[in-house]
Amino acid sequence: MRGMSERQYAAHCGLSRGAIQKAKAAGRLVLHEDGSIDAEASDALRAQTTDPSKTRKAPKEQRLKPVPEAAVSAVGDTLREQGLAAPATGGGTTFLQAKTAHEVLKAQERRIRLQKLKGELVDRARAETLVFRLAREERDAWVNWPARVAALMAAELGADTAAMQKVLEAHVRAHLEELAQPRIAL
């Protein structure tokens, strides 16, 4: 036998024997008269006819694409949040660190999903709506309070009811304006 067998050539290329048989059937290998495979000529022919984007192994001249700095910093932030060692800025993130950050994020996501299913978490938009409605009801109750109590207070003090209501309304509105100053930031 002048060349290599299918098994030998598969080991030589790092491919499966089935892939070599398909390439042989498709005419992408150079064969000797005895049916053995001419390794050098077959390597050259396969390199010309094989689409590099469809190979499992990238050609040696192709280098890995750089990871965006935002992704590296996100990995570092996640690791720091969990109290784990994070890569230095500008330094390389190891595969183990990136995998750890990925697993931590998956665990956090699952924990949040579980808390939501248990009813421990609420929808932010719904909570904001409820707080807004509660605050509006409270404000309306205070705005209507002077009209309800002005007559009673005026009778106790022997004052004019209309004047009492006007003074109470002015003070209540001033107080409500003070309360409206801080904003809730969720």
Protein backbone atom coordinates (compact mmCIF):
# COMPACT_ATOMS: atom_id res chain seq x y z
CA MET A 1 0.00 0.00 0.00
CA ARG A 2 1.55 3.27 -1.18
CA GLY A 3 -0.60 5.75 0.77
CA MET A 4 -2.68 5.80 3.94
CA SER A 5 -5.77 3.84 4.84
CA GLU A 6 -9.03 5.64 5.69
CA ARG A 7 -8.35 5.19 9.40
CA GLN A 8 -4.78 6.42 9.14
CA TYR A 9 -5.82 9.47 7.12
CA ALA A 10 -8.67 10.21 9.55
CA ALA A 11 -6.16 10.22 12.44
CA HIS A 12 -3.79 12.34 10.35
CA CYS A 13 -6.50 14.97 9.66
CA GLY A 14 -8.24 14.81 13.02
CA LEU A 15 -11.53 13.82 11.39
CA SER A 16 -13.78 10.81 11.77
CA ARG A 17 -13.55 7.85 9.44
CA GLY A 18 -17.09 8.61 8.27
CA ALA A 19 -16.04 12.11 7.23
CA ILE A 20 -13.13 10.64 5.27
CA GLN A 21 -15.48 8.17 3.56
CA LYS A 22 -17.82 11.03 2.58
CA ALA A 23 -14.91 13.06 1.22
CA LYS A 24 -13.71 10.02 -0.70
CA ALA A 25 -17.17 9.45 -2.20
CA ALA A 26 -17.45 13.14 -3.11
CA GLY A 27 -14.09 13.06 -4.90
CA ARG A 28 -12.36 15.43 -2.48
CA LEU A 29 -9.46 13.03 -1.84
CA VAL A 30 -6.58 11.98 -4.13
CA LEU A 31 -6.22 8.21 -4.32
CA HIS A 32 -3.37 5.97 -5.46
CA GLU A 33 -3.99 3.11 -7.94
CA ASP A 34 -4.29 0.64 -5.04
CA GLY A 35 -7.09 2.71 -3.42
CA SER A 36 -4.95 4.14 -0.63
CA ILE A 37 -5.03 7.87 0.08
CA ASP A 38 -2.29 10.25 -1.03
CA ALA A 39 -2.07 12.36 2.17
CA GLU A 40 -0.21 15.43 0.82
CA ALA A 41 -2.27 15.80 -2.33
CA SER A 42 -5.52 15.10 -0.44
CA ASP A 43 -4.68 17.71 2.19
CA ALA A 44 -4.12 20.31 -0.53
CA LEU A 45 -7.31 19.34 -2.38
CA ARG A 46 -9.38 19.36 0.82
CA ALA A 47 -7.99 22.80 1.73
CA GLN A 48 -9.10 24.15 -1.67
CA THR A 49 -12.57 22.58 -1.69
CA THR A 50 -13.59 22.87 1.96
CA ASP A 51 -15.47 25.94 3.17
CA PRO A 52 -13.56 27.18 6.26
CA SER A 53 -16.75 28.44 7.90
CA LYS A 54 -18.14 24.90 7.94
CA THR A 55 -15.15 23.24 9.55
CA ARG A 56 -15.02 22.42 13.23
CA LYS A 57 -11.45 23.53 13.61
CA ALA A 58 -10.57 27.09 12.63
CA PRO A 59 -7.53 27.50 10.40
CA LYS A 60 -4.34 28.39 12.23
CA GLU A 61 -4.15 31.81 10.59
CA GLN A 62 -7.54 32.79 12.02
CA ARG A 63 -7.26 34.27 15.48
CA LEU A 64 -9.97 34.53 18.10
CA LYS A 65 -12.03 37.70 18.01
CA PRO A 66 -11.33 40.07 20.90
CA VAL A 67 -13.98 40.15 23.60
CA PRO A 68 -15.61 43.58 23.99
CA GLU A 69 -14.50 45.46 27.10
CA ALA A 70 -18.13 45.82 28.20
CA ALA A 71 -18.48 42.03 28.37
CA VAL A 72 -15.26 41.67 30.34
CA SER A 73 -16.34 44.37 32.80
CA ALA A 74 -19.75 42.70 33.17
CA VAL A 75 -18.01 39.43 34.06
CA GLY A 76 -15.85 41.30 36.58
CA ASP A 77 -18.88 43.04 38.11
CA THR A 78 -20.73 39.74 38.49
CA LEU A 79 -17.75 38.06 40.10
CA ARG A 80 -17.20 40.99 42.50
CA GLU A 81 -20.89 40.98 43.51
CA GLN A 82 -20.46 37.38 44.60
CA GLY A 83 -17.20 38.06 46.44
CA LEU A 84 -15.10 36.14 43.93
CA ALA A 85 -11.78 37.16 42.39
CA ALA A 86 -12.37 39.38 39.37
CA PRO A 87 -9.85 40.07 36.59
CA ALA A 88 -7.98 43.35 36.63
CA THR A 89 -9.21 45.92 34.14
CA GLY A 90 -7.35 45.58 30.89
CA GLY A 91 -6.17 42.12 31.98
CA GLY A 92 -7.39 38.97 30.40
CA THR A 93 -10.40 37.15 31.73
CA THR A 94 -9.82 33.46 31.96
CA PHE A 95 -12.31 30.98 30.60
CA LEU A 96 -12.89 29.72 34.14
CA GLN A 97 -13.76 33.23 35.36
CA ALA A 98 -16.16 33.80 32.46
CA LYS A 99 -17.78 30.40 33.03
CA THR A 100 -18.10 31.12 36.76
CA ALA A 101 -19.74 34.48 36.03
CA HIS A 102 -22.09 32.79 33.57
CA GLU A 103 -23.10 30.19 36.14
CA VAL A 104 -23.58 32.87 38.81
CA LEU A 105 -25.84 34.85 36.48
CA LYS A 106 -27.86 31.74 35.64
CA ALA A 107 -28.28 30.99 39.34
CA GLN A 108 -29.38 34.58 40.03
CA GLU A 109 -31.87 34.42 37.17
CA ARG A 110 -33.32 31.15 38.45
CA ARG A 111 -33.56 32.54 41.99
CA ILE A 112 -35.45 35.58 40.75
CA ARG A 113 -37.77 33.40 38.65
CA LEU A 114 -38.44 31.19 41.69
CA GLN A 115 -39.13 34.20 43.92
CA LYS A 116 -41.55 35.50 41.30
CA LEU A 117 -43.34 32.14 41.16
CA LYS A 118 -43.59 32.06 44.97
CA GLY A 119 -45.09 35.56 44.94
CA GLU A 120 -42.16 37.10 46.80
CA LEU A 121 -41.47 39.52 43.94
CA VAL A 122 -43.96 41.92 42.40
CA ASP A 123 -44.12 43.61 39.04
CA ARG A 124 -42.46 47.03 39.25
CA ALA A 125 -45.04 48.81 37.06
CA ARG A 126 -47.89 47.38 39.12
CA ALA A 127 -46.20 48.40 42.39
CA GLU A 128 -45.64 51.95 41.12
CA THR A 129 -49.30 52.17 40.06
CA LEU A 130 -50.47 50.97 43.47
CA VAL A 131 -48.20 53.42 45.33
CA PHE A 132 -49.37 56.28 43.10
CA ARG A 133 -53.02 55.41 43.70
CA LEU A 134 -52.46 55.15 47.46
CA ALA A 135 -50.70 58.52 47.53
CA ARG A 136 -53.49 60.13 45.50
CA GLU A 137 -56.16 58.73 47.86
CA GLU A 138 -54.21 60.04 50.86
CA ARG A 139 -53.85 63.48 49.27
CA ASP A 140 -57.56 63.62 48.41
CA ALA A 141 -58.47 62.70 51.98
CA TRP A 142 -56.33 65.56 53.31
CA VAL A 143 -57.70 68.05 50.75
CA ASN A 144 -61.28 67.21 51.82
CA TRP A 145 -60.51 67.26 55.57
CA PRO A 146 -60.77 71.06 56.13
CA ALA A 147 -64.31 71.16 54.68
CA ARG A 148 -65.40 68.39 57.08
CA VAL A 149 -63.90 69.78 60.29
CA ALA A 150 -63.91 73.56 59.75
CA ALA A 151 -67.45 74.00 61.09
CA LEU A 152 -66.73 71.89 64.20
CA MET A 153 -63.49 73.73 64.94
CA ALA A 154 -65.08 77.13 64.34
CA ALA A 155 -67.90 76.30 66.78
CA GLU A 156 -65.42 75.22 69.47
CA LEU A 157 -63.32 78.36 69.05
CA GLY A 158 -66.22 80.73 68.40
CA ALA A 159 -64.73 81.79 65.03
CA ASP A 160 -66.19 82.36 61.57
CA THR A 161 -66.67 79.00 59.74
CA ALA A 162 -65.68 80.32 56.30
CA ALA A 163 -62.50 81.93 57.65
CA MET A 164 -61.62 78.76 59.57
CA GLN A 165 -62.06 76.62 56.45
CA LYS A 166 -59.92 79.01 54.37
CA VAL A 167 -57.06 78.95 56.92
CA LEU A 168 -57.18 75.15 57.27
CA GLU A 169 -57.20 74.66 53.50
CA ALA A 170 -54.19 76.96 53.08
CA HIS A 171 -52.18 75.13 55.75
CA VAL A 172 -53.14 71.67 54.51
CA ARG A 173 -52.22 72.54 50.90
CA ALA A 174 -48.88 74.00 52.05
CA HIS A 175 -48.17 70.83 54.01
CA LEU A 176 -49.11 68.62 51.03
CA GLU A 177 -46.78 70.63 48.80
CA GLU A 178 -43.95 69.99 51.28
CA LEU A 179 -44.73 66.27 51.26
CA ALA A 180 -44.74 66.21 47.45
CA GLN A 181 -41.12 67.40 47.22
CA PRO A 182 -39.24 64.09 47.69
CA ARG A 183 -39.65 61.67 44.80
CA ILE A 184 -39.75 57.91 45.15
CA ALA A 185 -37.04 56.31 43.04
CA LEU A 186 -37.54 52.57 42.59
